[in-house]
Amino acid sequence: MLEMARRNINFVDTVRVLDDASGVALFKEITKEDITAKGQIRPVGARHFAERARRIQNLTQLFQIKAGDPTVAPHLSGKEIARILAEELGEASIYGENISVEEQLETQQAMQDAEALNQEGLMSAAEEGI
């Protein structure tokens, strides 16, 4: 698209640009001279993703060391590792303060409800003589 615009633009175009710092939409006029330059365009986004993958891998290895070595475990914060890992993955919903305790409690409650239903069913079957 940039190449086609560079070849074919012969007018001033107004484009909307979002300011990263303030989030405000700015309108700028673009001319052929603005998009014409000598050189090459090189993608650099892959570096960002490679760095993120490396950090996630290091955090995962650190967590495995914490889980596997009882002499190291007291010195590493599992909550902090989990928080950073969720942040690096961009999945904030997988981390929560003591979320595992809440989830286990929810599971136990579901098991108790199922057991109560089962007992009710057995009692009504016994009353009916089944």
Protein backbone atom coordinates (compact mmCIF):
# COMPACT_ATOMS: atom_id res chain seq x y z
CA MET A 1 0.00 0.00 0.00
CA LEU A 2 2.84 2.38 0.82
CA GLU A 3 4.50 1.68 -2.52
CA MET A 4 1.26 2.24 -4.44
CA ALA A 5 0.59 5.47 -2.55
CA ARG A 6 4.12 6.68 -3.23
CA ARG A 7 3.72 6.03 -6.95
CA ASN A 8 0.20 7.36 -7.40
CA ILE A 9 -0.37 10.14 -4.88
CA ASN A 10 -0.47 13.59 -6.46
CA PHE A 11 -2.53 15.46 -3.88
CA VAL A 12 -2.52 16.30 -0.18
CA ASP A 13 -4.37 13.73 1.92
CA THR A 14 -5.56 14.14 5.50
CA VAL A 15 -5.05 11.13 7.75
CA ARG A 16 -6.08 10.41 11.32
CA VAL A 17 -3.22 9.49 13.67
CA LEU A 18 -3.67 8.41 17.30
CA ASP A 19 -1.23 9.96 19.77
CA ASP A 20 0.22 7.11 21.87
CA ALA A 21 0.79 9.27 24.94
CA SER A 22 -2.61 10.94 25.18
CA GLY A 23 -4.82 8.69 23.03
CA VAL A 24 -6.10 11.76 21.16
CA ALA A 25 -6.84 11.55 17.44
CA LEU A 26 -4.75 14.03 15.45
CA PHE A 27 -5.32 14.89 11.81
CA LYS A 28 -2.25 15.41 9.67
CA GLU A 29 -1.80 16.28 6.03
CA ILE A 30 0.36 13.85 4.05
CA THR A 31 2.04 14.67 0.75
CA LYS A 32 4.05 12.57 -1.68
CA GLU A 33 7.27 14.01 -0.22
CA ASP A 34 6.28 12.78 3.27
CA ILE A 35 6.14 9.14 2.16
CA THR A 36 9.02 9.18 -0.31
CA ALA A 37 12.46 8.33 1.02
CA LYS A 38 15.51 6.36 0.01
CA GLY A 39 16.28 3.19 1.90
CA GLN A 40 14.52 0.03 2.92
CA ILE A 41 11.75 -0.79 5.32
CA ARG A 42 12.76 -3.51 7.73
CA PRO A 43 10.25 -5.18 10.04
CA VAL A 44 11.36 -5.18 13.67
CA GLY A 45 8.22 -6.50 15.36
CA ALA A 46 9.58 -10.04 15.43
CA ARG A 47 12.25 -8.94 17.92
CA HIS A 48 9.55 -7.90 20.37
CA PHE A 49 7.79 -11.25 20.16
CA ALA A 50 11.05 -13.19 20.41
CA GLU A 51 11.98 -11.24 23.55
CA ARG A 52 8.55 -11.88 25.08
CA ALA A 53 8.81 -15.62 24.28
CA ARG A 54 12.26 -15.72 25.90
CA ARG A 55 10.96 -14.02 29.08
CA ILE A 56 8.00 -16.40 29.28
CA GLN A 57 10.31 -19.39 28.86
CA ASN A 58 12.63 -18.08 31.60
CA LEU A 59 9.70 -17.52 33.97
CA THR A 60 8.42 -21.03 33.29
CA GLN A 61 11.85 -22.51 34.04
CA LEU A 62 12.08 -20.43 37.21
CA PHE A 63 8.69 -21.71 38.34
CA GLN A 64 9.80 -25.30 37.65
CA ILE A 65 12.93 -24.73 39.74
CA LYS A 66 10.75 -23.36 42.55
CA ALA A 67 8.45 -26.40 42.36
CA GLY A 68 11.29 -28.92 42.16
CA ASP A 69 13.88 -27.64 44.63
CA PRO A 70 12.73 -27.23 48.26
CA THR A 71 15.86 -25.24 49.11
CA VAL A 72 15.03 -22.58 46.51
CA ALA A 73 11.23 -22.51 46.91
CA PRO A 74 11.10 -20.35 50.09
CA HIS A 75 13.06 -17.62 48.36
CA LEU A 76 10.87 -17.20 45.26
CA SER A 77 7.40 -15.69 45.22
CA GLY A 78 4.97 -17.93 43.40
CA LYS A 79 2.37 -15.14 43.36
CA GLU A 80 4.80 -12.73 41.73
CA ILE A 81 5.88 -15.30 39.14
CA ALA A 82 2.21 -15.96 38.32
CA ARG A 83 1.42 -12.24 38.09
CA ILE A 84 4.37 -11.53 35.78
CA LEU A 85 3.57 -14.56 33.64
CA ALA A 86 -0.06 -13.44 33.23
CA GLU A 87 1.16 -9.95 32.33
CA GLU A 88 3.68 -11.26 29.77
CA LEU A 89 1.02 -13.45 28.18
CA GLY A 90 -1.39 -10.53 28.07
CA GLU A 91 -3.98 -12.62 29.92
CA ALA A 92 -4.75 -10.68 33.09
CA SER A 93 -7.76 -12.90 33.84
CA ILE A 94 -5.59 -15.95 34.65
CA TYR A 95 -4.11 -14.28 37.74
CA GLY A 96 -5.98 -13.40 40.91
CA GLU A 97 -5.11 -13.14 44.59
CA ASN A 98 -5.62 -16.64 46.03
CA ILE A 99 -7.81 -17.55 43.06
CA SER A 100 -6.92 -21.22 43.39
CA VAL A 101 -8.40 -21.29 46.91
CA GLU A 102 -11.64 -19.77 45.63
CA GLU A 103 -11.78 -22.23 42.72
CA GLN A 104 -11.17 -25.20 45.02
CA LEU A 105 -13.91 -23.96 47.33
CA GLU A 106 -16.26 -23.68 44.34
CA THR A 107 -15.40 -27.24 43.28
CA GLN A 108 -15.95 -28.58 46.81
CA GLN A 109 -19.32 -26.81 46.95
CA ALA A 110 -20.35 -28.40 43.64
CA MET A 111 -19.27 -31.82 44.94
CA GLN A 112 -21.28 -31.35 48.15
CA ASP A 113 -24.33 -30.25 46.15
CA ALA A 114 -24.03 -33.33 43.94
CA GLU A 115 -23.64 -35.57 46.98
CA ALA A 116 -26.74 -34.02 48.59
CA LEU A 117 -28.75 -34.63 45.41
CA ASN A 118 -27.50 -38.21 45.32
CA GLN A 119 -28.50 -38.77 48.96
CA GLU A 120 -31.95 -37.30 48.31
CA GLY A 121 -32.38 -39.61 45.36
CA LEU A 122 -31.32 -42.63 47.40
CA MET A 123 -33.65 -41.69 50.27
CA SER A 124 -36.67 -41.22 47.98
CA ALA A 125 -35.85 -44.54 46.26
CA ALA A 126 -35.68 -46.24 49.66
CA GLU A 127 -39.02 -44.74 50.67
CA GLU A 128 -40.63 -46.01 47.48
CA GLY A 129 -39.11 -49.42 48.07
CA ILE A 130 -36.93 -49.42 44.97
